[in-house]
PDB file of N, CA and C in Angstrom:
ATOM      1  N   UNK A   1       0.887  -1.547  -0.460  1.00  0.00           N
ATOM      2  CA  UNK A   1      -0.019  -0.072   0.087  1.00  0.00           C
ATOM      3  C   UNK A   1       0.700   1.203  -0.010  1.00  0.00           C
ATOM      4  N   UNK A   2       0.716   2.301  -0.826  1.00  0.00           N
ATOM      5  CA  UNK A   2       1.691   3.611  -1.219  1.00  0.00           C
ATOM      6  C   UNK A   2       0.497   4.001  -0.182  1.00  0.00           C
ATOM      7  N   UNK A   3       1.724   4.774   0.570  1.00  0.00           N
ATOM      8  CA  UNK A   3       0.944   6.036   1.741  1.00  0.00           C
ATOM      9  C   UNK A   3       1.872   7.490   1.142  1.00  0.00           C
ATOM     10  N   UNK A   4       0.109   8.319   1.103  1.00  0.00           N
ATOM     11  CA  UNK A   4       0.541   9.233   1.434  1.00  0.00           C
ATOM     12  C   UNK A   4       0.925  10.275   2.481  1.00  0.00           C
ATOM     13  N   UNK A   5       1.419  11.184   2.276  1.00  0.00           N
ATOM     14  CA  UNK A   5       1.274  11.897   3.585  1.00  0.00           C
ATOM     15  C   UNK A   5       0.582  13.191   3.056  1.00  0.00           C
ATOM     16  N   UNK A   6      -0.012  13.817   3.581  1.00  0.00           N
ATOM     17  CA  UNK A   6      -0.634  14.925   4.183  1.00  0.00           C
ATOM     18  C   UNK A   6       0.517  15.726   4.069  1.00  0.00           C
ATOM     19  N   UNK A   7       0.168  17.126   4.005  1.00  0.00           N
ATOM     20  CA  UNK A   7       1.200  18.366   3.570  1.00  0.00           C
ATOM     21  C   UNK A   7       1.021  18.718   5.053  1.00  0.00           C
ATOM     22  N   UNK A   8       0.306  19.266   6.236  1.00  0.00           N
ATOM     23  CA  UNK A   8       0.281  19.050   7.547  1.00  0.00           C
ATOM     24  C   UNK A   8      -0.976  18.026   8.319  1.00  0.00           C
ATOM     25  N   UNK A   9      -0.278  17.896   9.921  1.00  0.00           N
ATOM     26  CA  UNK A   9      -0.742  17.565   9.995  1.00  0.00           C
ATOM     27  C   UNK A   9      -2.510  17.140  10.404  1.00  0.00           C
ATOM     28  N   UNK A  10      -3.003  15.628   9.943  1.00  0.00           N
ATOM     29  CA  UNK A  10      -4.170  15.676  10.212  1.00  0.00           C
ATOM     30  C   UNK A  10      -4.782  15.621  11.088  1.00  0.00           C
ATOM     31  N   UNK A  11      -4.294  16.136  11.969  1.00  0.00           N
ATOM     32  CA  UNK A  11      -5.107  16.019  13.479  1.00  0.00           C
ATOM     33  C   UNK A  11      -6.409  15.573  13.356  1.00  0.00           C
ATOM     34  N   UNK A  12      -7.350  15.999  13.289  1.00  0.00           N
ATOM     35  CA  UNK A  12      -8.953  16.579  13.063  1.00  0.00           C
ATOM     36  C   UNK A  12      -9.549  15.384  12.533  1.00  0.00           C
ATOM     37  N   UNK A  13      -8.617  14.258  11.204  1.00  0.00           N
ATOM     38  CA  UNK A  13      -9.039  12.965  11.224  1.00  0.00           C
ATOM     39  C   UNK A  13      -8.702  12.323  11.705  1.00  0.00           C
ATOM     40  N   UNK A  14      -6.922  11.950  11.931  1.00  0.00           N
ATOM     41  CA  UNK A  14      -6.726  10.607  12.668  1.00  0.00           C
ATOM     42  C   UNK A  14      -7.997  10.335  14.542  1.00  0.00           C
ATOM     43  N   UNK A  15      -8.471  11.679  14.724  1.00  0.00           N
ATOM     44  CA  UNK A  15      -9.451  12.118  15.796  1.00  0.00           C
ATOM     45  C   UNK A  15     -10.748  10.900  15.469  1.00  0.00           C
ATOM     46  N   UNK A  16     -11.383  11.775  14.608  1.00  0.00           N
ATOM     47  CA  UNK A  16     -12.740  11.326  13.687  1.00  0.00           C
ATOM     48  C   UNK A  16     -12.641   9.866  12.310  1.00  0.00           C
ATOM     49  N   UNK A  17     -10.972   9.005  12.707  1.00  0.00           N
ATOM     50  CA  UNK A  17     -10.492   7.918  11.796  1.00  0.00           C
ATOM     51  C   UNK A  17     -11.393   6.941  12.859  1.00  0.00           C
ATOM     52  N   UNK A  18     -10.267   7.307  14.665  1.00  0.00           N
ATOM     53  CA  UNK A  18      -9.759   6.993  16.058  1.00  0.00           C
ATOM     54  C   UNK A  18     -11.366   6.234  16.552  1.00  0.00           C
ATOM     55  N   UNK A  19     -12.627   7.377  15.836  1.00  0.00           N
ATOM     56  CA  UNK A  19     -13.661   7.409  16.578  1.00  0.00           C
ATOM     57  C   UNK A  19     -14.285   5.952  15.416  1.00  0.00           C
ATOM     58  N   UNK A  20     -14.143   6.237  14.741  1.00  0.00           N
ATOM     59  CA  UNK A  20     -14.769   5.266  13.557  1.00  0.00           C
ATOM     60  C   UNK A  20     -14.422   4.104  13.689  1.00  0.00           C
ATOM     61  N   UNK A  21     -12.968   3.403  13.686  1.00  0.00           N
ATOM     62  CA  UNK A  21     -12.563   2.981  13.818  1.00  0.00           C
ATOM     63  C   UNK A  21     -13.346   2.199  15.839  1.00  0.00           C
ATOM     64  N   UNK A  22     -12.978   3.192  16.585  1.00  0.00           N
ATOM     65  CA  UNK A  22     -13.435   2.237  17.657  1.00  0.00           C
ATOM     66  C   UNK A  22     -14.783   1.759  17.807  1.00  0.00           C
ATOM     67  N   UNK A  23     -16.113   2.331  17.226  1.00  0.00           N
ATOM     68  CA  UNK A  23     -17.121   1.912  16.791  1.00  0.00           C
ATOM     69  C   UNK A  23     -17.037   0.470  16.162  1.00  0.00           C
ATOM     70  N   UNK A  24     -16.707   0.412  15.764  1.00  0.00           N
ATOM     71  CA  UNK A  24     -16.776  -0.862  15.139  1.00  0.00           C
ATOM     72  C   UNK A  24     -15.511  -1.764  15.368  1.00  0.00           C
ATOM     73  N   UNK A  25     -15.097  -1.424  16.547  1.00  0.00           N
ATOM     74  CA  UNK A  25     -14.714  -2.037  17.293  1.00  0.00           C
ATOM     75  C   UNK A  25     -15.844  -3.335  18.550  1.00  0.00           C
ATOM     76  N   UNK A  26     -16.637  -1.595  19.101  1.00  0.00           N
ATOM     77  CA  UNK A  26     -17.930  -2.354  20.097  1.00  0.00           C
ATOM     78  C   UNK A  26     -18.633  -2.779  19.502  1.00  0.00           C
ATOM     79  N   UNK A  27     -19.225  -2.499  17.466  1.00  0.00           N
ATOM     80  CA  UNK A  27     -20.053  -3.329  17.438  1.00  0.00           C
ATOM     81  C   UNK A  27     -18.747  -5.067  17.020  1.00  0.00           C
ATOM     82  N   UNK A  28     -18.502  -4.869  16.637  1.00  0.00           N
ATOM     83  CA  UNK A  28     -18.043  -6.598  17.155  1.00  0.00           C
ATOM     84  C   UNK A  28     -17.964  -6.819  18.660  1.00  0.00           C
ATOM     85  N   UNK A  29     -17.457  -6.222  19.188  1.00  0.00           N
ATOM     86  CA  UNK A  29     -17.688  -6.860  20.365  1.00  0.00           C
ATOM     87  C   UNK A  29     -18.855  -7.617  20.846  1.00  0.00           C
ATOM     88  N   UNK A  30     -19.874  -6.482  20.612  1.00  0.00           N
ATOM     89  CA  UNK A  30     -21.323  -7.065  20.738  1.00  0.00           C
ATOM     90  C   UNK A  30     -21.554  -7.891  20.398  1.00  0.00           C
ATOM     91  N   UNK A  31     -21.677  -8.323  19.042  1.00  0.00           N
ATOM     92  CA  UNK A  31     -21.694  -9.099  17.944  1.00  0.00           C
ATOM     93  C   UNK A  31     -20.960 -10.584  18.549  1.00  0.00           C
ATOM     94  N   UNK A  32     -19.803 -10.547  19.379  1.00  0.00           N
ATOM     95  CA  UNK A  32     -19.481 -11.742  19.999  1.00  0.00           C
ATOM     96  C   UNK A  32     -20.031 -11.470  21.155  1.00  0.00           C
ATOM     97  N   UNK A  33     -20.429 -10.916  22.003  1.00  0.00           N
ATOM     98  CA  UNK A  33     -20.893 -11.348  23.403  1.00  0.00           C
ATOM     99  C   UNK A  33     -21.540 -11.750  23.485  1.00  0.00           C
ATOM    100  N   UNK A  34     -23.342 -10.989  22.475  1.00  0.00           N
ATOM    101  CA  UNK A  34     -24.508 -12.088  21.868  1.00  0.00           C
ATOM    102  C   UNK A  34     -24.361 -13.533  22.201  1.00  0.00           C
ATOM    103  N   UNK A  35     -23.404 -13.622  21.154  1.00  0.00           N
ATOM    104  CA  UNK A  35     -22.971 -14.848  21.252  1.00  0.00           C
ATOM    105  C   UNK A  35     -22.241 -16.517  22.176  1.00  0.00           C
ATOM    106  N   UNK A  36     -21.716 -15.707  23.725  1.00  0.00           N
ATOM    107  CA  UNK A  36     -21.456 -16.264  24.473  1.00  0.00           C
ATOM    108  C   UNK A  36     -22.801 -16.276  25.680  1.00  0.00           C
ATOM    109  N   UNK A  37     -22.882 -16.982  26.178  1.00  0.00           N
ATOM    110  CA  UNK A  37     -23.428 -17.705  27.265  1.00  0.00           C
ATOM    111  C   UNK A  37     -22.841 -16.493  28.810  1.00  0.00           C
ATOM    112  N   UNK A  38     -23.650 -15.944  28.586  1.00  0.00           N
ATOM    113  CA  UNK A  38     -24.724 -14.450  30.052  1.00  0.00           C
ATOM    114  C   UNK A  38     -24.207 -14.828  31.565  1.00  0.00           C
ATOM    115  N   UNK A  39     -24.060 -16.564  31.544  1.00  0.00           N
ATOM    116  CA  UNK A  39     -24.063 -17.656  32.626  1.00  0.00           C
ATOM    117  C   UNK A  39     -22.598 -17.970  33.100  1.00  0.00           C
ATOM    118  N   UNK A  40     -21.694 -17.487  32.148  1.00  0.00           N
ATOM    119  CA  UNK A  40     -20.146 -17.662  31.862  1.00  0.00           C
ATOM    120  C   UNK A  40     -19.517 -16.399  32.337  1.00  0.00           C
ATOM    121  N   UNK A  41     -18.090 -16.775  33.099  1.00  0.00           N
ATOM    122  CA  UNK A  41     -17.366 -15.168  32.933  1.00  0.00           C
ATOM    123  C   UNK A  41     -16.220 -16.016  32.230  1.00  0.00           C
ATOM    124  N   UNK A  42     -16.189 -14.959  31.387  1.00  0.00           N
ATOM    125  CA  UNK A  42     -14.465 -15.416  30.663  1.00  0.00           C
ATOM    126  C   UNK A  42     -13.843 -15.403  31.047  1.00  0.00           C
ATOM    127  N   UNK A  43     -11.679 -15.958  30.800  1.00  0.00           N
ATOM    128  CA  UNK A  43     -10.970 -15.932  31.452  1.00  0.00           C
ATOM    129  C   UNK A  43     -10.368 -15.575  30.096  1.00  0.00           C
ATOM    130  N   UNK A  44     -10.595 -15.071  28.921  1.00  0.00           N
ATOM    131  CA  UNK A  44     -10.226 -14.702  27.669  1.00  0.00           C
ATOM    132  C   UNK A  44     -10.858 -13.221  28.289  1.00  0.00           C
ATOM    133  N   UNK A  45     -11.863 -12.521  28.499  1.00  0.00           N
ATOM    134  CA  UNK A  45     -11.940 -11.547  28.140  1.00  0.00           C
ATOM    135  C   UNK A  45     -10.264  -9.918  29.338  1.00  0.00           C
ATOM    136  N   UNK A  46      -9.995  -9.431  28.543  1.00  0.00           N
ATOM    137  CA  UNK A  46      -9.326  -8.119  27.727  1.00  0.00           C
ATOM    138  C   UNK A  46      -8.944  -7.528  29.590  1.00  0.00           C
ATOM    139  N   UNK A  47      -7.952  -7.002  30.282  1.00  0.00           N
ATOM    140  CA  UNK A  47      -8.595  -6.542  31.576  1.00  0.00           C
ATOM    141  C   UNK A  47      -8.372  -5.358  31.439  1.00  0.00           C
ATOM    142  N   UNK A  48      -7.870  -4.519  29.990  1.00  0.00           N
ATOM    143  CA  UNK A  48      -7.752  -3.157  29.777  1.00  0.00           C
ATOM    144  C   UNK A  48      -9.117  -3.434  27.858  1.00  0.00           C
ATOM    145  N   UNK A  49      -9.874  -1.663  28.829  1.00  0.00           N
ATOM    146  CA  UNK A  49     -10.215  -1.723  27.935  1.00  0.00           C
ATOM    147  C   UNK A  49      -9.732  -1.947  26.783  1.00  0.00           C
ATOM    148  N   UNK A  50      -9.641  -1.925  25.699  1.00  0.00           N
ATOM    149  CA  UNK A  50      -8.694  -1.288  24.344  1.00  0.00           C
ATOM    150  C   UNK A  50      -7.449  -2.470  24.993  1.00  0.00           C
ATOM    151  N   UNK A  51      -7.587  -3.658  24.193  1.00  0.00           N
ATOM    152  CA  UNK A  51      -5.950  -3.810  24.826  1.00  0.00           C
ATOM    153  C   UNK A  51      -4.419  -3.842  23.797  1.00  0.00           C
ATOM    154  N   UNK A  52      -3.674  -3.484  23.562  1.00  0.00           N
ATOM    155  CA  UNK A  52      -2.307  -3.795  22.594  1.00  0.00           C
ATOM    156  C   UNK A  52      -2.542  -4.532  21.199  1.00  0.00           C
ATOM    157  N   UNK A  53      -3.218  -4.756  21.029  1.00  0.00           N
ATOM    158  CA  UNK A  53      -3.806  -5.905  20.073  1.00  0.00           C
ATOM    159  C   UNK A  53      -5.157  -5.606  19.350  1.00  0.00           C
ATOM    160  N   UNK A  54      -5.673  -4.082  19.708  1.00  0.00           N
ATOM    161  CA  UNK A  54      -6.965  -4.296  19.921  1.00  0.00           C
ATOM    162  C   UNK A  54      -5.910  -2.716  18.417  1.00  0.00           C
ATOM    163  N   UNK A  55      -5.405  -2.023  19.269  1.00  0.00           N
ATOM    164  CA  UNK A  55      -5.182  -1.014  19.280  1.00  0.00           C
ATOM    165  C   UNK A  55      -3.565  -1.390  17.647  1.00  0.00           C
ATOM    166  N   UNK A  56      -3.174  -2.742  17.614  1.00  0.00           N
ATOM    167  CA  UNK A  56      -2.578  -2.743  15.940  1.00  0.00           C
ATOM    168  C   UNK A  56      -3.494  -2.416  15.320  1.00  0.00           C
ATOM    169  N   UNK A  57      -5.356  -3.086  15.614  1.00  0.00           N
ATOM    170  CA  UNK A  57      -5.766  -2.861  14.128  1.00  0.00           C
ATOM    171  C   UNK A  57      -6.332  -0.985  14.100  1.00  0.00           C
ATOM    172  N   UNK A  58      -5.441  -0.961  14.849  1.00  0.00           N
ATOM    173  CA  UNK A  58      -6.123   0.693  14.756  1.00  0.00           C
ATOM    174  C   UNK A  58      -5.004   1.642  13.961  1.00  0.00           C
ATOM    175  N   UNK A  59      -4.092   1.437  13.927  1.00  0.00           N
ATOM    176  CA  UNK A  59      -2.830   1.772  13.780  1.00  0.00           C
ATOM    177  C   UNK A  59      -2.977   1.476  11.947  1.00  0.00           C
ATOM    178  N   UNK A  60      -3.397   0.536  12.037  1.00  0.00           N
ATOM    179  CA  UNK A  60      -3.679  -0.223  10.547  1.00  0.00           C
ATOM    180  C   UNK A  60      -4.543   0.856   9.526  1.00  0.00           C
ATOM    181  N   UNK A  61      -5.397   0.847  10.541  1.00  0.00           N
ATOM    182  CA  UNK A  61      -6.606   2.720  10.381  1.00  0.00           C
ATOM    183  C   UNK A  61      -5.867   3.777  10.179  1.00  0.00           C
ATOM    184  N   UNK A  62      -5.267   4.169  10.619  1.00  0.00           N
ATOM    185  CA  UNK A  62      -4.613   4.821  10.831  1.00  0.00           C
ATOM    186  C   UNK A  62      -3.843   5.751  10.414  1.00  0.00           C
ATOM    187  N   UNK A  63      -3.098   4.454   9.144  1.00  0.00           N
ATOM    188  CA  UNK A  63      -1.204   4.966   8.510  1.00  0.00           C
ATOM    189  C   UNK A  63      -2.278   5.502   7.281  1.00  0.00           C
ATOM    190  N   UNK A  64      -2.660   4.719   6.425  1.00  0.00           N
ATOM    191  CA  UNK A  64      -3.152   6.098   4.982  1.00  0.00           C
ATOM    192  C   UNK A  64      -3.837   8.054   5.693  1.00  0.00           C
ATOM    193  N   UNK A  65      -4.275   8.057   6.937  1.00  0.00           N
ATOM    194  CA  UNK A  65      -4.590   8.769   7.707  1.00  0.00           C
ATOM    195  C   UNK A  65      -3.606   9.990   7.751  1.00  0.00           C
ATOM    196  N   UNK A  66      -1.816   9.281   8.302  1.00  0.00           N
ATOM    197  CA  UNK A  66      -1.539  10.490   8.463  1.00  0.00           C
ATOM    198  C   UNK A  66      -0.504  10.708   7.588  1.00  0.00           C
ATOM    199  N   UNK A  67      -0.275   8.938   6.623  1.00  0.00           N
ATOM    200  CA  UNK A  67       0.716   9.254   5.475  1.00  0.00           C
ATOM    201  C   UNK A  67       1.989   8.416   6.001  1.00  0.00           C
ATOM    202  N   UNK A  68       1.893   7.877   7.102  1.00  0.00           N
ATOM    203  CA  UNK A  68       3.329   7.383   6.851  1.00  0.00           C
ATOM    204  C   UNK A  68       3.130   5.670   7.532  1.00  0.00           C
ATOM    205  N   UNK A  69       4.118   5.061   8.226  1.00  0.00           N
ATOM    206  CA  UNK A  69       4.299   3.887   8.633  1.00  0.00           C
ATOM    207  C   UNK A  69       3.850   4.496  10.096  1.00  0.00           C
ATOM    208  N   UNK A  70       3.114   3.187  11.528  1.00  0.00           N
ATOM    209  CA  UNK A  70       3.486   3.612  12.059  1.00  0.00           C
ATOM    210  C   UNK A  70       3.781   2.159  12.996  1.00  0.00           C
ATOM    211  N   UNK A  71       4.611   2.685  13.826  1.00  0.00           N
ATOM    212  CA  UNK A  71       5.392   1.756  13.989  1.00  0.00           C
ATOM    213  C   UNK A  71       4.785   0.942  15.498  1.00  0.00           C
ATOM    214  N   UNK A  72       4.716  -0.295  15.587  1.00  0.00           N
ATOM    215  CA  UNK A  72       4.302  -0.900  16.912  1.00  0.00           C
ATOM    216  C   UNK A  72       4.694  -0.303  18.204  1.00  0.00           C
ATOM    217  N   UNK A  73       6.100   0.096  18.237  1.00  0.00           N
ATOM    218  CA  UNK A  73       6.528   0.433  19.087  1.00  0.00           C
ATOM    219  C   UNK A  73       4.641   2.095  20.088  1.00  0.00           C
ATOM    220  N   UNK A  74       4.693   2.623  19.037  1.00  0.00           N
ATOM    221  CA  UNK A  74       3.897   3.387  19.786  1.00  0.00           C
ATOM    222  C   UNK A  74       2.850   3.356  20.441  1.00  0.00           C
ATOM    223  N   UNK A  75       2.069   2.132  19.914  1.00  0.00           N
ATOM    224  CA  UNK A  75       0.961   1.267  21.147  1.00  0.00           C
ATOM    225  C   UNK A  75       2.311   1.299  22.689  1.00  0.00           C
ATOM    226  N   UNK A  76       0.657   2.359  23.962  1.00  0.00           N
ATOM    227  CA  UNK A  76       1.084   1.653  24.996  1.00  0.00           C
ATOM    228  C   UNK A  76       1.864   0.715  25.526  1.00  0.00           C
ATOM    229  N   UNK A  77       2.263   0.107  25.569  1.00  0.00           N
ATOM    230  CA  UNK A  77       2.382  -0.931  26.744  1.00  0.00           C
ATOM    231  C   UNK A  77       1.353  -1.627  27.926  1.00  0.00           C
ATOM    232  N   UNK A  78       0.637  -2.213  26.962  1.00  0.00           N
ATOM    233  CA  UNK A  78      -0.657  -2.647  28.444  1.00  0.00           C
ATOM    234  C   UNK A  78      -2.284  -1.927  27.476  1.00  0.00           C
ATOM    235  N   UNK A  79      -1.385  -1.700  26.852  1.00  0.00           N
ATOM    236  CA  UNK A  79      -3.225  -1.139  25.833  1.00  0.00           C
ATOM    237  C   UNK A  79      -3.041  -0.196  26.885  1.00  0.00           C
ATOM    238  N   UNK A  80      -4.971   0.495  26.633  1.00  0.00           N
ATOM    239  CA  UNK A  80      -5.915   2.521  27.265  1.00  0.00           C
ATOM    240  C   UNK A  80      -6.529   1.708  28.266  1.00  0.00           C
ATOM    241  N   UNK A  81      -7.210   2.705  29.288  1.00  0.00           N
ATOM    242  CA  UNK A  81      -7.814   2.680  29.668  1.00  0.00           C
ATOM    243  C   UNK A  81      -9.836   2.659  29.314  1.00  0.00           C
ATOM    244  N   UNK A  82      -9.106   3.566  28.572  1.00  0.00           N
ATOM    245  CA  UNK A  82     -10.386   4.257  27.225  1.00  0.00           C
ATOM    246  C   UNK A  82     -10.174   5.024  26.615  1.00  0.00           C
ATOM    247  N   UNK A  83     -11.395   5.591  25.817  1.00  0.00           N
ATOM    248  CA  UNK A  83     -10.894   5.516  24.468  1.00  0.00           C
ATOM    249  C   UNK A  83      -9.214   7.370  24.324  1.00  0.00           C
ATOM    250  N   UNK A  84     -10.508   7.793  25.306  1.00  0.00           N
ATOM    251  CA  UNK A  84     -10.347   9.387  25.182  1.00  0.00           C
ATOM    252  C   UNK A  84      -8.588   9.029  25.877  1.00  0.00           C
ATOM    253  N   UNK A  85      -8.385   8.039  26.480  1.00  0.00           N
ATOM    254  CA  UNK A  85      -6.846   7.919  26.458  1.00  0.00           C
ATOM    255  C   UNK A  85      -5.763   7.629  25.715  1.00  0.00           C
ATOM    256  N   UNK A  86      -6.737   6.627  24.915  1.00  0.00           N
ATOM    257  CA  UNK A  86      -5.439   7.072  23.869  1.00  0.00           C
ATOM    258  C   UNK A  86      -5.449   7.424  23.282  1.00  0.00           C
ATOM    259  N   UNK A  87      -6.685   7.878  22.746  1.00  0.00           N
ATOM    260  CA  UNK A  87      -6.553   9.475  21.132  1.00  0.00           C
ATOM    261  C   UNK A  87      -5.986  10.390  22.124  1.00  0.00           C
ATOM    262  N   UNK A  88      -5.418  10.617  23.497  1.00  0.00           N
ATOM    263  CA  UNK A  88      -4.963  11.426  23.815  1.00  0.00           C
ATOM    264  C   UNK A  88      -3.643  11.392  23.708  1.00  0.00           C
ATOM    265  N   UNK A  89      -3.283  10.047  23.599  1.00  0.00           N
ATOM    266  CA  UNK A  89      -1.485   9.453  23.870  1.00  0.00           C
ATOM    267  C   UNK A  89      -1.314   8.999  22.107  1.00  0.00           C
ATOM    268  N   UNK A  90      -2.180   8.841  21.773  1.00  0.00           N
ATOM    269  CA  UNK A  90      -1.957   9.033  19.465  1.00  0.00           C
ATOM    270  C   UNK A  90      -1.736   9.730  19.039  1.00  0.00           C
ATOM    271  N   UNK A  91      -3.082  10.285  20.025  1.00  0.00           N
ATOM    272  CA  UNK A  91      -2.570  11.905  18.686  1.00  0.00           C
ATOM    273  C   UNK A  91      -1.221  12.707  19.094  1.00  0.00           C
ATOM    274  N   UNK A  92      -0.574  13.011  20.098  1.00  0.00           N
ATOM    275  CA  UNK A  92       0.704  13.117  20.980  1.00  0.00           C
ATOM    276  C   UNK A  92       1.881  12.250  20.436  1.00  0.00           C
ATOM    277  N   UNK A  93       1.510  10.950  20.116  1.00  0.00           N
ATOM    278  CA  UNK A  93       2.925  10.382  19.484  1.00  0.00           C
ATOM    279  C   UNK A  93       3.077  10.744  18.219  1.00  0.00           C
ATOM    280  N   UNK A  94       2.291  11.012  17.520  1.00  0.00           N
ATOM    281  CA  UNK A  94       1.669  10.159  16.180  1.00  0.00           C
ATOM    282  C   UNK A  94       2.375  12.097  15.150  1.00  0.00           C
ATOM    283  N   UNK A  95       1.615  13.451  16.180  1.00  0.00           N
ATOM    284  CA  UNK A  95       2.348  14.746  15.504  1.00  0.00           C
ATOM    285  C   UNK A  95       3.529  14.242  15.639  1.00  0.00           C
ATOM    286  N   UNK A  96       4.232  13.647  16.755  1.00  0.00           N
ATOM    287  CA  UNK A  96       6.031  13.240  17.656  1.00  0.00           C
ATOM    288  C   UNK A  96       6.714  12.555  16.050  1.00  0.00           C
ATOM    289  N   UNK A  97       6.005  12.262  15.415  1.00  0.00           N
ATOM    290  CA  UNK A  97       6.509  10.903  13.826  1.00  0.00           C
ATOM    291  C   UNK A  97       5.815  11.446  13.328  1.00  0.00           C
ATOM    292  N   UNK A  98       5.247  11.677  12.965  1.00  0.00           N
ATOM    293  CA  UNK A  98       4.748  12.990  11.263  1.00  0.00           C
ATOM    294  C   UNK A  98       5.809  14.778  11.257  1.00  0.00           C
ATOM    295  N   UNK A  99       6.460  15.023  13.002  1.00  0.00           N
ATOM    296  CA  UNK A  99       6.944  15.968  12.410  1.00  0.00           C
ATOM    297  C   UNK A  99       8.405  15.293  11.772  1.00  0.00           C
ATOM    298  N   UNK A 100       8.806  14.618  13.426  1.00  0.00           N
ATOM    299  CA  UNK A 100       9.994  14.089  12.648  1.00  0.00           C
ATOM    300  C   UNK A 100      10.140  13.099  11.333  1.00  0.00           C
ATOM    301  N   UNK A 101       9.561  12.912  10.605  1.00  0.00           N
ATOM    302  CA  UNK A 101       9.750  12.296   8.891  1.00  0.00           C
ATOM    303  C   UNK A 101       9.428  13.475   8.770  1.00  0.00           C
ATOM    304  N   UNK A 102       9.311  14.944   8.974  1.00  0.00           N
ATOM    305  CA  UNK A 102       9.243  16.378   7.535  1.00  0.00           C
ATOM    306  C   UNK A 102      10.473  16.057   8.127  1.00  0.00           C
ATOM    307  N   UNK A 103      11.376  16.732   9.150  1.00  0.00           N
ATOM    308  CA  UNK A 103      12.272  16.576   9.304  1.00  0.00           C
ATOM    309  C   UNK A 103      13.363  16.078   8.365  1.00  0.00           C
ATOM    310  N   UNK A 104      13.585  14.591   8.420  1.00  0.00           N
ATOM    311  CA  UNK A 104      14.086  13.961   7.950  1.00  0.00           C
ATOM    312  C   UNK A 104      14.048  12.852   6.822  1.00  0.00           C
ATOM    313  N   UNK A 105      13.055  14.442   5.288  1.00  0.00           N
ATOM    314  CA  UNK A 105      11.628  14.477   4.776  1.00  0.00           C
ATOM    315  C   UNK A 105      12.946  15.323   3.761  1.00  0.00           C
TER     316      UNK A 105
END
């Protein structure tokens, strides 16, 4: 996939893409939850609402928006408690990455 870097940091588009990704994640989780019995407690339920495996999928949706590859080390170790925490952390890190790539280009 060819990535095209925008001229300026697309903060609003990043936030919108995270929101859209999170809605899709919640919808997928709701489908899976409906399939499980409500009487059982799953040992597979993540301790954090947004674990690092989910964030990898988020990063994949953000790369075309920011126009650069996002390294996995960008993800906060252990994941995130809330979507707000993820947005604050990711926007900050992606802005730094975007500006660093701008200096190198």
